[in-house]
Amino acid sequence: MTPGGGSIGAALAGDADRASAPPDHPILLIVHFGDPRLAALQGVLGDLGYVATAVATPEEAIAAMQRGPLPDVLLTAHTTSSPRRGVGFARDCLARWPSLRTLYITFVPRPLAETPTRREVVLAAPFNAHQLADALAKLRANESAAP
């Protein structure tokens, strides 16, 4: 469900949701893999004025992206435990949809093994709503600075 109570299909399939988002705010798709901490970010992002939709599985995410329109940002966990989760899943999506950007959230208090590309930003917990918005703004800055 979206913050306004709509379904994932409604959130990503219609121009009305995209039109209701502030122009400086990307449309987000959260893939939470059942992690309630990631799922809860949908409400936080909605409070910040973003259009954010949450799904639990890679299959749901891919189906939504295939239906379109493509979200601006994929938000997921920074985990390398499985090729179908976190980094592996996001990088597959980045290869398939090159305009997609990814915000990884990490709950692990240790250095990250992988260096993100310009289309990826990592945000380590704990963080507040302002830091979350700053991480999303960094993705946009990286995009505009790309050659």
C-alpha atoms as a PDB file:
ATOM      1  CA  MET A   1       0.000   0.000   0.000  1.00  0.00           C
ATOM      2  CA  THR A   2       1.080   3.564  -0.588  1.00  0.00           C
ATOM      3  CA  PRO A   3       0.829   6.376   1.977  1.00  0.00           C
ATOM      4  CA  GLY A   4      -2.439   7.452   0.370  1.00  0.00           C
ATOM      5  CA  GLY A   5      -3.827   3.924   0.608  1.00  0.00           C
ATOM      6  CA  GLY A   6      -3.380   2.912  -3.043  1.00  0.00           C
ATOM      7  CA  SER A   7      -1.861  -0.286  -4.299  1.00  0.00           C
ATOM      8  CA  ILE A   8       1.594  -0.770  -5.766  1.00  0.00           C
ATOM      9  CA  GLY A   9       0.103  -0.910  -9.237  1.00  0.00           C
ATOM     10  CA  ALA A  10      -1.637   2.411  -8.707  1.00  0.00           C
ATOM     11  CA  ALA A  11       1.471   3.971  -7.212  1.00  0.00           C
ATOM     12  CA  LEU A  12       3.756   3.116 -10.102  1.00  0.00           C
ATOM     13  CA  ALA A  13       1.329   2.850 -12.997  1.00  0.00           C
ATOM     14  CA  GLY A  14      -0.259   6.287 -13.064  1.00  0.00           C
ATOM     15  CA  ASP A  15       0.983   9.716 -13.981  1.00  0.00           C
ATOM     16  CA  ALA A  16      -1.249  11.213 -11.279  1.00  0.00           C
ATOM     17  CA  ASP A  17       1.081   9.970  -8.521  1.00  0.00           C
ATOM     18  CA  ARG A  18       4.123  11.227 -10.388  1.00  0.00           C
ATOM     19  CA  ALA A  19       2.406  14.564 -10.950  1.00  0.00           C
ATOM     20  CA  SER A  20       1.550  14.847  -7.238  1.00  0.00           C
ATOM     21  CA  ALA A  21       5.189  14.484  -6.204  1.00  0.00           C
ATOM     22  CA  PRO A  22       7.186  17.663  -5.696  1.00  0.00           C
ATOM     23  CA  PRO A  23       9.376  18.195  -8.793  1.00  0.00           C
ATOM     24  CA  ASP A  24      12.588  17.972  -6.759  1.00  0.00           C
ATOM     25  CA  HIS A  25      11.576  14.683  -5.118  1.00  0.00           C
ATOM     26  CA  PRO A  26      12.213  11.369  -6.886  1.00  0.00           C
ATOM     27  CA  ILE A  27       9.610   8.603  -6.980  1.00  0.00           C
ATOM     28  CA  LEU A  28      10.839   5.693  -4.840  1.00  0.00           C
ATOM     29  CA  LEU A  29      10.334   1.940  -4.788  1.00  0.00           C
ATOM     30  CA  ILE A  30      11.309   0.274  -1.501  1.00  0.00           C
ATOM     31  CA  VAL A  31      12.164  -3.434  -1.638  1.00  0.00           C
ATOM     32  CA  HIS A  32      12.199  -4.475   2.006  1.00  0.00           C
ATOM     33  CA  PHE A  33      12.462  -8.302   1.847  1.00  0.00           C
ATOM     34  CA  GLY A  34      10.281  -8.487   4.970  1.00  0.00           C
ATOM     35  CA  ASP A  35      12.499  -6.185   7.051  1.00  0.00           C
ATOM     36  CA  PRO A  36      10.123  -3.970   9.057  1.00  0.00           C
ATOM     37  CA  ARG A  37      12.811  -1.264   9.406  1.00  0.00           C
ATOM     38  CA  LEU A  38      12.902  -0.792   5.643  1.00  0.00           C
ATOM     39  CA  ALA A  39       9.129  -1.119   5.275  1.00  0.00           C
ATOM     40  CA  ALA A  40       8.678   1.659   7.863  1.00  0.00           C
ATOM     41  CA  LEU A  41      10.629   4.066   5.646  1.00  0.00           C
ATOM     42  CA  GLN A  42       7.606   4.331   3.360  1.00  0.00           C
ATOM     43  CA  GLY A  43       5.799   6.396   6.001  1.00  0.00           C
ATOM     44  CA  VAL A  44       8.844   8.544   6.740  1.00  0.00           C
ATOM     45  CA  LEU A  45       9.338   9.262   3.051  1.00  0.00           C
ATOM     46  CA  GLY A  46       5.652  10.064   2.642  1.00  0.00           C
ATOM     47  CA  ASP A  47       5.908  12.542   5.516  1.00  0.00           C
ATOM     48  CA  LEU A  48       8.821  14.171   3.665  1.00  0.00           C
ATOM     49  CA  GLY A  49       6.678  14.590   0.532  1.00  0.00           C
ATOM     50  CA  TYR A  50       8.024  11.697  -1.510  1.00  0.00           C
ATOM     51  CA  VAL A  51       5.872   9.208  -3.395  1.00  0.00           C
ATOM     52  CA  ALA A  52       7.140   5.893  -2.034  1.00  0.00           C
ATOM     53  CA  THR A  53       5.818   2.405  -2.599  1.00  0.00           C
ATOM     54  CA  ALA A  54       7.009  -0.637  -0.645  1.00  0.00           C
ATOM     55  CA  VAL A  55       7.147  -4.236  -1.854  1.00  0.00           C
ATOM     56  CA  ALA A  56       8.487  -7.313  -0.117  1.00  0.00           C
ATOM     57  CA  THR A  57      10.027  -9.328  -2.940  1.00  0.00           C
ATOM     58  CA  PRO A  58      12.219  -8.908  -6.000  1.00  0.00           C
ATOM     59  CA  GLU A  59       9.426 -10.378  -8.123  1.00  0.00           C
ATOM     60  CA  GLU A  60       6.986  -7.669  -6.991  1.00  0.00           C
ATOM     61  CA  ALA A  61       9.605  -4.983  -7.662  1.00  0.00           C
ATOM     62  CA  ILE A  62      10.405  -6.234 -11.150  1.00  0.00           C
ATOM     63  CA  ALA A  63       6.711  -6.551 -12.022  1.00  0.00           C
ATOM     64  CA  ALA A  64       6.108  -2.961 -10.887  1.00  0.00           C
ATOM     65  CA  MET A  65       9.086  -1.653 -12.846  1.00  0.00           C
ATOM     66  CA  GLN A  66       8.010  -3.558 -15.967  1.00  0.00           C
ATOM     67  CA  ARG A  67       4.498  -2.081 -15.704  1.00  0.00           C
ATOM     68  CA  GLY A  68       6.060   1.350 -15.347  1.00  0.00           C
ATOM     69  CA  PRO A  69       6.649   4.079 -15.043  1.00  0.00           C
ATOM     70  CA  LEU A  70      10.098   3.299 -13.711  1.00  0.00           C
ATOM     71  CA  PRO A  71      10.775   4.759 -10.257  1.00  0.00           C
ATOM     72  CA  ASP A  72      13.649   7.206  -9.976  1.00  0.00           C
ATOM     73  CA  VAL A  73      15.157   5.458  -6.949  1.00  0.00           C
ATOM     74  CA  LEU A  74      15.222   1.876  -5.723  1.00  0.00           C
ATOM     75  CA  LEU A  75      15.684   1.737  -1.948  1.00  0.00           C
ATOM     76  CA  THR A  76      16.834  -1.543  -0.413  1.00  0.00           C
ATOM     77  CA  ALA A  77      19.161  -3.073   2.160  1.00  0.00           C
ATOM     78  CA  HIS A  78      22.904  -3.090   1.654  1.00  0.00           C
ATOM     79  CA  THR A  79      23.476  -6.796   1.968  1.00  0.00           C
ATOM     80  CA  THR A  80      25.599  -9.138  -0.075  1.00  0.00           C
ATOM     81  CA  SER A  81      24.285 -12.331   1.518  1.00  0.00           C
ATOM     82  CA  SER A  82      22.399 -13.416  -1.586  1.00  0.00           C
ATOM     83  CA  PRO A  83      22.448 -12.483  -5.274  1.00  0.00           C
ATOM     84  CA  ARG A  84      18.642 -12.052  -5.163  1.00  0.00           C
ATOM     85  CA  ARG A  85      18.760  -9.562  -2.268  1.00  0.00           C
ATOM     86  CA  GLY A  86      20.232  -6.153  -1.598  1.00  0.00           C
ATOM     87  CA  VAL A  87      23.267  -5.283  -3.710  1.00  0.00           C
ATOM     88  CA  GLY A  88      22.983  -8.239  -6.105  1.00  0.00           C
ATOM     89  CA  PHE A  89      19.322  -7.537  -6.821  1.00  0.00           C
ATOM     90  CA  ALA A  90      19.865  -3.784  -7.185  1.00  0.00           C
ATOM     91  CA  ARG A  91      22.825  -4.199  -9.513  1.00  0.00           C
ATOM     92  CA  ASP A  92      20.773  -6.539 -11.719  1.00  0.00           C
ATOM     93  CA  CYS A  93      18.107  -3.816 -11.841  1.00  0.00           C
ATOM     94  CA  LEU A  94      20.718  -1.125 -12.619  1.00  0.00           C
ATOM     95  CA  ALA A  95      21.995  -3.242 -15.518  1.00  0.00           C
ATOM     96  CA  ARG A  96      18.461  -3.684 -16.853  1.00  0.00           C
ATOM     97  CA  TRP A  97      17.290  -0.098 -16.241  1.00  0.00           C
ATOM     98  CA  PRO A  98      20.360   2.180 -16.478  1.00  0.00           C
ATOM     99  CA  SER A  99      18.473   5.331 -15.441  1.00  0.00           C
ATOM    100  CA  LEU A 100      17.560   3.792 -12.065  1.00  0.00           C
ATOM    101  CA  ARG A 101      19.397   5.002  -8.973  1.00  0.00           C
ATOM    102  CA  THR A 102      19.762   3.028  -5.742  1.00  0.00           C
ATOM    103  CA  LEU A 103      19.809   4.029  -2.089  1.00  0.00           C
ATOM    104  CA  TYR A 104      21.103   1.235   0.134  1.00  0.00           C
ATOM    105  CA  ILE A 105      20.343   1.215   3.835  1.00  0.00           C
ATOM    106  CA  THR A 106      22.764  -0.658   6.085  1.00  0.00           C
ATOM    107  CA  PHE A 107      22.026  -1.672   9.641  1.00  0.00           C
ATOM    108  CA  VAL A 108      25.443  -3.317  10.092  1.00  0.00           C
ATOM    109  CA  PRO A 109      27.886  -1.199  12.119  1.00  0.00           C
ATOM    110  CA  ARG A 110      31.007  -2.102  10.121  1.00  0.00           C
ATOM    111  CA  PRO A 111      32.698  -0.756   7.005  1.00  0.00           C
ATOM    112  CA  LEU A 112      31.040  -1.627   3.725  1.00  0.00           C
ATOM    113  CA  ALA A 113      32.953  -4.058   1.540  1.00  0.00           C
ATOM    114  CA  GLU A 114      31.721  -2.694  -1.773  1.00  0.00           C
ATOM    115  CA  THR A 115      32.262   0.754  -3.205  1.00  0.00           C
ATOM    116  CA  PRO A 116      29.063   2.154  -4.667  1.00  0.00           C
ATOM    117  CA  THR A 117      28.912   3.577  -8.184  1.00  0.00           C
ATOM    118  CA  ARG A 118      27.726   7.124  -8.941  1.00  0.00           C
ATOM    119  CA  ARG A 119      24.185   5.736  -9.248  1.00  0.00           C
ATOM    120  CA  GLU A 120      24.317   4.255  -5.747  1.00  0.00           C
ATOM    121  CA  VAL A 121      24.439   5.819  -2.278  1.00  0.00           C
ATOM    122  CA  VAL A 122      24.772   4.000   1.036  1.00  0.00           C
ATOM    123  CA  LEU A 123      23.139   5.335   4.209  1.00  0.00           C
ATOM    124  CA  ALA A 124      24.169   3.733   7.496  1.00  0.00           C
ATOM    125  CA  ALA A 125      21.754   3.469  10.419  1.00  0.00           C
ATOM    126  CA  PRO A 126      21.057   5.085  12.738  1.00  0.00           C
ATOM    127  CA  PHE A 127      19.896   8.062  10.693  1.00  0.00           C
ATOM    128  CA  ASN A 128      17.145  10.644  10.872  1.00  0.00           C
ATOM    129  CA  ALA A 129      14.691  11.905   8.264  1.00  0.00           C
ATOM    130  CA  HIS A 130      16.965  14.829   7.355  1.00  0.00           C
ATOM    131  CA  GLN A 131      19.887  12.455   6.661  1.00  0.00           C
ATOM    132  CA  LEU A 132      17.593  10.254   4.573  1.00  0.00           C
ATOM    133  CA  ALA A 133      16.539  13.266   2.487  1.00  0.00           C
ATOM    134  CA  ASP A 134      20.206  14.302   2.142  1.00  0.00           C
ATOM    135  CA  ALA A 135      21.124  10.826   0.844  1.00  0.00           C
ATOM    136  CA  LEU A 136      18.377  11.076  -1.776  1.00  0.00           C
ATOM    137  CA  ALA A 137      19.580  14.564  -2.725  1.00  0.00           C
ATOM    138  CA  LYS A 138      23.105  13.168  -3.116  1.00  0.00           C
ATOM    139  CA  LEU A 139      21.801  10.685  -5.697  1.00  0.00           C
ATOM    140  CA  ARG A 140      20.341  13.574  -7.678  1.00  0.00           C
ATOM    141  CA  ALA A 141      23.589  15.550  -7.389  1.00  0.00           C
ATOM    142  CA  ASN A 142      25.567  12.522  -8.579  1.00  0.00           C
ATOM    143  CA  GLU A 143      23.185  12.225 -11.529  1.00  0.00           C
ATOM    144  CA  SER A 144      23.610  15.844 -12.592  1.00  0.00           C
ATOM    145  CA  ALA A 145      27.419  15.645 -12.157  1.00  0.00           C
ATOM    146  CA  ALA A 146      27.703  12.512 -14.332  1.00  0.00           C
ATOM    147  CA  PRO A 147      29.475  13.087 -17.667  1.00  0.00           C
END
